[in-house]
Amino acid sequence: MQCQIIAVGNKMPTWCELACDEYLSRLQHFMKCTLIELPTQKRHKSGNVAQYKEEEGRKMLQKITPQHEVIALEVTGQPWATPKVAKMLSGWQQQGKDLVFLIGGPDGLAPACLMRANQQWSLSALTFPHALARVVLLEQLYRGFSMLANHPYHRE
């Protein structure tokens, strides 16, 4: 099982890069996981947001194969609890699925990305900085695998 996180935005704050690197390193014990950063489309005052999202989405979809299990992170997606994430990871692992998580840019994901997604997840009903979505996702993946391995990282 392999995992790719495809995220729009390639100029993240140092704290985000450090946290992502830490969790990517920890996840290597469970699966190969990579973060693919795509540049945000340059926004102009008179620009068309739908076109920006469409172009970002096109670049994301180019990285996906039909065999991938695609999970779009979307504000209106299904909320998840950590034990459920662990259960999903276990199922995907048993099926030998390769995962792709999509994190959109400042205006969200293109409709084509949402249509391609097998699932849509919401990380929280709270509003937080865009960079934090990567960290929260990576931490939850690590926590889910830690639960499956009965590792003491997760405590109930």
C-alpha atoms as a PDB file:
ATOM      1  CA  MET A   1       0.000   0.000   0.000  1.00  0.00           C
ATOM      2  CA  GLN A   2       1.248   3.431  -0.942  1.00  0.00           C
ATOM      3  CA  CYS A   3      -0.128   6.871  -0.276  1.00  0.00           C
ATOM      4  CA  GLN A   4       0.178  10.145  -2.125  1.00  0.00           C
ATOM      5  CA  ILE A   5      -1.040  13.445  -0.800  1.00  0.00           C
ATOM      6  CA  ILE A   6      -1.521  15.830  -3.698  1.00  0.00           C
ATOM      7  CA  ALA A   7      -1.857  19.371  -2.414  1.00  0.00           C
ATOM      8  CA  VAL A   8      -2.154  22.725  -4.141  1.00  0.00           C
ATOM      9  CA  GLY A   9       0.285  25.256  -2.726  1.00  0.00           C
ATOM     10  CA  ASN A  10       4.042  24.979  -2.563  1.00  0.00           C
ATOM     11  CA  LYS A  11       5.117  27.805  -0.286  1.00  0.00           C
ATOM     12  CA  MET A  12       4.135  26.519   3.125  1.00  0.00           C
ATOM     13  CA  PRO A  13       5.389  28.007   6.397  1.00  0.00           C
ATOM     14  CA  THR A  14       8.438  26.403   7.991  1.00  0.00           C
ATOM     15  CA  TRP A  15       6.383  24.948  10.857  1.00  0.00           C
ATOM     16  CA  CYS A  16       4.197  23.132   8.309  1.00  0.00           C
ATOM     17  CA  GLU A  17       7.155  21.731   6.385  1.00  0.00           C
ATOM     18  CA  LEU A  18       8.783  20.497   9.604  1.00  0.00           C
ATOM     19  CA  ALA A  19       5.585  18.848  10.836  1.00  0.00           C
ATOM     20  CA  CYS A  20       4.890  17.225   7.448  1.00  0.00           C
ATOM     21  CA  ASP A  21       8.458  15.907   7.254  1.00  0.00           C
ATOM     22  CA  GLU A  22       8.141  14.464  10.760  1.00  0.00           C
ATOM     23  CA  TYR A  23       4.911  12.581  10.031  1.00  0.00           C
ATOM     24  CA  LEU A  24       6.060  11.462   6.579  1.00  0.00           C
ATOM     25  CA  SER A  25       9.124   9.969   8.267  1.00  0.00           C
ATOM     26  CA  ARG A  26       7.008   8.231  10.910  1.00  0.00           C
ATOM     27  CA  LEU A  27       4.601   6.860   8.305  1.00  0.00           C
ATOM     28  CA  GLN A  28       7.437   5.118   6.437  1.00  0.00           C
ATOM     29  CA  HIS A  29       7.254   2.367   9.090  1.00  0.00           C
ATOM     30  CA  PHE A  30       3.738   1.541   7.875  1.00  0.00           C
ATOM     31  CA  MET A  31       3.633   2.511   4.190  1.00  0.00           C
ATOM     32  CA  LYS A  32       5.347   4.616   1.586  1.00  0.00           C
ATOM     33  CA  CYS A  33       3.788   8.069   1.721  1.00  0.00           C
ATOM     34  CA  THR A  34       4.722  11.074  -0.399  1.00  0.00           C
ATOM     35  CA  LEU A  35       3.570  14.671  -0.531  1.00  0.00           C
ATOM     36  CA  ILE A  36       3.208  16.144  -4.015  1.00  0.00           C
ATOM     37  CA  GLU A  37       2.909  19.911  -4.020  1.00  0.00           C
ATOM     38  CA  LEU A  38       1.431  21.677  -7.023  1.00  0.00           C
ATOM     39  CA  PRO A  39       1.777  25.428  -7.491  1.00  0.00           C
ATOM     40  CA  THR A  40      -1.275  27.564  -6.849  1.00  0.00           C
ATOM     41  CA  GLN A  41      -2.606  29.239  -9.984  1.00  0.00           C
ATOM     42  CA  LYS A  42      -1.759  32.938  -9.905  1.00  0.00           C
ATOM     43  CA  ARG A  43      -4.848  34.862  -8.912  1.00  0.00           C
ATOM     44  CA  HIS A  44      -5.756  38.204 -10.485  1.00  0.00           C
ATOM     45  CA  LYS A  45      -8.347  40.662  -9.215  1.00  0.00           C
ATOM     46  CA  SER A  46     -10.420  40.248 -12.362  1.00  0.00           C
ATOM     47  CA  GLY A  47      -9.716  36.508 -12.622  1.00  0.00           C
ATOM     48  CA  ASN A  48     -12.196  33.681 -12.699  1.00  0.00           C
ATOM     49  CA  VAL A  49     -12.041  31.495  -9.569  1.00  0.00           C
ATOM     50  CA  ALA A  50     -13.708  28.579 -11.362  1.00  0.00           C
ATOM     51  CA  GLN A  51     -10.978  28.640 -14.023  1.00  0.00           C
ATOM     52  CA  TYR A  52      -8.235  28.680 -11.379  1.00  0.00           C
ATOM     53  CA  LYS A  53      -9.781  25.687  -9.632  1.00  0.00           C
ATOM     54  CA  GLU A  54     -10.288  23.878 -12.937  1.00  0.00           C
ATOM     55  CA  GLU A  55      -6.614  24.271 -13.888  1.00  0.00           C
ATOM     56  CA  GLU A  56      -5.424  23.154 -10.435  1.00  0.00           C
ATOM     57  CA  GLY A  57      -7.802  20.197 -10.646  1.00  0.00           C
ATOM     58  CA  ARG A  58      -6.539  19.220 -14.098  1.00  0.00           C
ATOM     59  CA  LYS A  59      -2.987  19.057 -12.747  1.00  0.00           C
ATOM     60  CA  MET A  60      -4.123  16.967  -9.788  1.00  0.00           C
ATOM     61  CA  LEU A  61      -6.043  14.500 -11.937  1.00  0.00           C
ATOM     62  CA  GLN A  62      -2.991  13.968 -14.159  1.00  0.00           C
ATOM     63  CA  LYS A  63      -1.262  12.367 -11.152  1.00  0.00           C
ATOM     64  CA  ILE A  64      -4.055   9.833 -10.535  1.00  0.00           C
ATOM     65  CA  THR A  65      -4.581   6.422 -12.130  1.00  0.00           C
ATOM     66  CA  PRO A  66      -7.895   4.533 -12.361  1.00  0.00           C
ATOM     67  CA  GLN A  67      -6.608   2.072  -9.740  1.00  0.00           C
ATOM     68  CA  HIS A  68      -6.123   4.715  -7.047  1.00  0.00           C
ATOM     69  CA  GLU A  69      -8.519   5.034  -4.134  1.00  0.00           C
ATOM     70  CA  VAL A  70      -9.052   8.800  -4.116  1.00  0.00           C
ATOM     71  CA  ILE A  71     -10.108  10.707  -1.018  1.00  0.00           C
ATOM     72  CA  ALA A  72     -10.889  14.398  -1.449  1.00  0.00           C
ATOM     73  CA  LEU A  73     -10.578  16.618   1.598  1.00  0.00           C
ATOM     74  CA  GLU A  74     -13.600  18.857   1.400  1.00  0.00           C
ATOM     75  CA  VAL A  75     -15.342  21.099   3.926  1.00  0.00           C
ATOM     76  CA  THR A  76     -18.691  19.464   3.124  1.00  0.00           C
ATOM     77  CA  GLY A  77     -17.251  15.936   3.196  1.00  0.00           C
ATOM     78  CA  GLN A  78     -18.023  13.230   5.722  1.00  0.00           C
ATOM     79  CA  PRO A  79     -16.581  13.821   9.200  1.00  0.00           C
ATOM     80  CA  TRP A  80     -14.413  11.010  10.567  1.00  0.00           C
ATOM     81  CA  ALA A  81     -13.328   9.802  13.971  1.00  0.00           C
ATOM     82  CA  THR A  82      -9.843   8.369  14.410  1.00  0.00           C
ATOM     83  CA  PRO A  83     -11.000   4.768  15.070  1.00  0.00           C
ATOM     84  CA  LYS A  84     -12.975   4.852  11.803  1.00  0.00           C
ATOM     85  CA  VAL A  85      -9.899   6.147   9.948  1.00  0.00           C
ATOM     86  CA  ALA A  86      -7.896   3.227  11.375  1.00  0.00           C
ATOM     87  CA  LYS A  87     -10.577   0.779  10.237  1.00  0.00           C
ATOM     88  CA  MET A  88     -10.587   2.258   6.720  1.00  0.00           C
ATOM     89  CA  LEU A  89      -6.779   2.079   6.560  1.00  0.00           C
ATOM     90  CA  SER A  90      -6.897  -1.563   7.620  1.00  0.00           C
ATOM     91  CA  GLY A  91      -9.406  -2.395   4.885  1.00  0.00           C
ATOM     92  CA  TRP A  92      -7.429  -0.589   2.207  1.00  0.00           C
ATOM     93  CA  GLN A  93      -4.254  -2.287   3.392  1.00  0.00           C
ATOM     94  CA  GLN A  94      -5.873  -5.727   3.152  1.00  0.00           C
ATOM     95  CA  GLN A  95      -7.113  -4.910  -0.351  1.00  0.00           C
ATOM     96  CA  GLY A  96      -3.689  -3.611  -1.417  1.00  0.00           C
ATOM     97  CA  LYS A  97      -5.146  -0.243  -2.382  1.00  0.00           C
ATOM     98  CA  ASP A  98      -2.919   2.703  -3.240  1.00  0.00           C
ATOM     99  CA  LEU A  99      -4.349   5.892  -1.787  1.00  0.00           C
ATOM    100  CA  VAL A 100      -4.424   9.445  -3.066  1.00  0.00           C
ATOM    101  CA  PHE A 101      -5.595  12.290  -0.845  1.00  0.00           C
ATOM    102  CA  LEU A 102      -6.474  15.567  -2.571  1.00  0.00           C
ATOM    103  CA  ILE A 103      -6.094  18.908  -0.805  1.00  0.00           C
ATOM    104  CA  GLY A 104      -7.290  21.867  -2.848  1.00  0.00           C
ATOM    105  CA  GLY A 105      -5.973  25.385  -3.044  1.00  0.00           C
ATOM    106  CA  PRO A 106      -7.356  28.545  -1.444  1.00  0.00           C
ATOM    107  CA  ASP A 107     -10.668  28.145  -3.264  1.00  0.00           C
ATOM    108  CA  GLY A 108     -11.073  24.409  -2.709  1.00  0.00           C
ATOM    109  CA  LEU A 109     -11.139  21.508  -5.144  1.00  0.00           C
ATOM    110  CA  ALA A 110     -12.374  21.514  -8.728  1.00  0.00           C
ATOM    111  CA  PRO A 111     -15.693  19.755  -9.369  1.00  0.00           C
ATOM    112  CA  ALA A 112     -13.829  17.207 -11.543  1.00  0.00           C
ATOM    113  CA  CYS A 113     -11.684  16.229  -8.535  1.00  0.00           C
ATOM    114  CA  LEU A 114     -14.748  15.797  -6.350  1.00  0.00           C
ATOM    115  CA  MET A 115     -16.403  13.652  -9.022  1.00  0.00           C
ATOM    116  CA  ARG A 116     -13.303  11.451  -9.339  1.00  0.00           C
ATOM    117  CA  ALA A 117     -13.018  10.967  -5.584  1.00  0.00           C
ATOM    118  CA  ASN A 118     -14.193   7.666  -4.150  1.00  0.00           C
ATOM    119  CA  GLN A 119     -14.827   9.470  -0.863  1.00  0.00           C
ATOM    120  CA  GLN A 120     -14.945  13.012   0.465  1.00  0.00           C
ATOM    121  CA  TRP A 121     -13.669  13.616   3.975  1.00  0.00           C
ATOM    122  CA  SER A 122     -14.001  16.637   6.194  1.00  0.00           C
ATOM    123  CA  LEU A 123     -11.158  17.096   8.660  1.00  0.00           C
ATOM    124  CA  SER A 124     -13.140  19.416  10.903  1.00  0.00           C
ATOM    125  CA  ALA A 125     -16.051  21.811  11.066  1.00  0.00           C
ATOM    126  CA  LEU A 126     -13.540  24.360  12.361  1.00  0.00           C
ATOM    127  CA  THR A 127     -11.787  26.854  10.118  1.00  0.00           C
ATOM    128  CA  PHE A 128      -8.001  26.674  10.267  1.00  0.00           C
ATOM    129  CA  PRO A 129      -5.021  27.710   8.122  1.00  0.00           C
ATOM    130  CA  HIS A 130      -4.740  25.922   4.772  1.00  0.00           C
ATOM    131  CA  ALA A 131      -1.290  24.531   5.650  1.00  0.00           C
ATOM    132  CA  LEU A 132      -2.688  22.836   8.730  1.00  0.00           C
ATOM    133  CA  ALA A 133      -4.831  20.460   6.625  1.00  0.00           C
ATOM    134  CA  ARG A 134      -1.681  18.631   5.508  1.00  0.00           C
ATOM    135  CA  VAL A 135      -0.422  18.262   9.054  1.00  0.00           C
ATOM    136  CA  VAL A 136      -3.788  17.101  10.416  1.00  0.00           C
ATOM    137  CA  LEU A 137      -4.169  14.528   7.633  1.00  0.00           C
ATOM    138  CA  LEU A 138      -0.649  13.134   8.092  1.00  0.00           C
ATOM    139  CA  GLU A 139      -1.061  12.986  11.864  1.00  0.00           C
ATOM    140  CA  GLN A 140      -4.364  11.131  11.552  1.00  0.00           C
ATOM    141  CA  LEU A 141      -2.870   8.633   9.102  1.00  0.00           C
ATOM    142  CA  TYR A 142      -0.008   8.020  11.521  1.00  0.00           C
ATOM    143  CA  ARG A 143      -2.387   7.758  14.478  1.00  0.00           C
ATOM    144  CA  GLY A 144      -4.610   5.322  12.566  1.00  0.00           C
ATOM    145  CA  PHE A 145      -1.697   3.032  11.726  1.00  0.00           C
ATOM    146  CA  SER A 146      -0.422   3.337  15.310  1.00  0.00           C
ATOM    147  CA  MET A 147      -3.797   2.145  16.571  1.00  0.00           C
ATOM    148  CA  LEU A 148      -3.711  -0.841  14.221  1.00  0.00           C
ATOM    149  CA  ALA A 149      -0.213  -1.739  15.454  1.00  0.00           C
ATOM    150  CA  ASN A 150      -1.215  -1.329  19.131  1.00  0.00           C
ATOM    151  CA  HIS A 151       1.466   1.336  19.385  1.00  0.00           C
ATOM    152  CA  PRO A 152       1.281   3.502  22.518  1.00  0.00           C
ATOM    153  CA  TYR A 153       1.129   6.731  20.458  1.00  0.00           C
ATOM    154  CA  HIS A 154      -2.664   6.591  20.565  1.00  0.00           C
ATOM    155  CA  ARG A 155      -4.423   6.575  23.910  1.00  0.00           C
ATOM    156  CA  GLU A 156      -8.154   6.281  24.439  1.00  0.00           C
END
